[in-house]
Amino acid sequence: MCTHRTPCPEPASDTRDLAAVVSSHPEQGWRLLCNGVVLFDDDGALLPDGRAVADHHVWLAPQPVSA
């Protein structure tokens, strides 16, 4: 699907969300990537074969600052 000089990551790759954005719909909370992945604002994704991928990032809470 990707025709860039340096191809975008494959949809099954852990780096799939680094592919180029083809279409962005921030008002609806999603972007279509060059590799066919639909990436949602909550970091979940829908792969071209229809599989859903949950948020795979590790989000860290800020630590309280000791005085």
Protein backbone atom coordinates (compact mmCIF):
# COMPACT_ATOMS: atom_id res chain seq x y z
CA MET A 1 0.00 0.00 0.00
CA CYS A 2 2.84 2.37 0.87
CA THR A 3 4.70 3.90 -2.10
CA HIS A 4 7.15 6.10 -0.19
CA ARG A 5 10.87 5.95 -0.90
CA THR A 6 11.37 4.54 2.61
CA PRO A 7 8.35 2.28 3.18
CA CYS A 8 6.16 2.72 6.22
CA PRO A 9 6.09 0.00 8.91
CA GLU A 10 3.92 -3.04 8.21
CA PRO A 11 0.46 -3.09 9.85
CA ALA A 12 1.44 -6.07 12.06
CA SER A 13 4.59 -4.32 13.29
CA ASP A 14 4.80 -2.81 16.80
CA THR A 15 5.82 0.45 15.09
CA ARG A 16 2.70 0.50 12.86
CA ASP A 17 1.61 3.88 14.23
CA LEU A 18 4.73 5.57 12.81
CA ALA A 19 3.40 5.28 9.25
CA ALA A 20 2.54 8.43 7.30
CA VAL A 21 -0.94 9.90 7.81
CA VAL A 22 -3.10 9.68 4.68
CA SER A 23 -6.28 11.15 6.13
CA SER A 24 -6.88 12.84 9.48
CA HIS A 25 -10.24 13.33 11.19
CA PRO A 26 -9.45 14.89 14.60
CA GLU A 27 -13.10 15.87 15.10
CA GLN A 28 -13.95 12.15 15.02
CA GLY A 29 -10.80 10.99 16.83
CA TRP A 30 -9.05 8.90 14.17
CA ARG A 31 -6.40 8.92 11.43
CA LEU A 32 -5.88 6.62 8.44
CA LEU A 33 -2.25 5.68 8.02
CA CYS A 34 -0.43 4.81 4.80
CA ASN A 35 -0.13 1.16 5.83
CA GLY A 36 -3.93 0.83 6.07
CA VAL A 37 -4.14 1.09 9.85
CA VAL A 38 -6.86 3.26 11.42
CA LEU A 39 -5.29 4.85 14.50
CA PHE A 40 -7.62 6.20 17.19
CA ASP A 41 -6.89 9.07 19.59
CA ASP A 42 -6.92 6.66 22.56
CA ASP A 43 -4.00 4.85 20.81
CA GLY A 44 -6.07 1.83 19.92
CA ALA A 45 -5.95 0.74 16.28
CA LEU A 46 -7.87 -1.18 13.67
CA LEU A 47 -5.68 -3.22 11.33
CA PRO A 48 -6.46 -3.65 7.60
CA ASP A 49 -7.52 -7.27 8.21
CA GLY A 50 -10.18 -6.11 10.71
CA ARG A 51 -8.35 -7.02 13.93
CA ALA A 52 -8.57 -4.51 16.76
CA VAL A 53 -5.43 -3.61 18.72
CA ALA A 54 -5.78 -2.15 22.21
CA ASP A 55 -3.65 0.72 23.46
CA HIS A 56 -0.13 -0.70 23.68
CA HIS A 57 1.66 2.24 25.25
CA VAL A 58 2.73 2.35 28.87
CA TRP A 59 1.42 5.56 30.37
CA LEU A 60 3.19 6.76 33.49
CA ALA A 61 1.51 8.94 36.09
CA PRO A 62 3.46 11.95 37.32
CA GLN A 63 5.21 11.33 40.62
CA PRO A 64 4.56 13.75 43.50
CA VAL A 65 7.44 16.09 44.22
CA SER A 66 8.80 15.81 47.78
CA ALA A 67 9.46 19.06 49.57
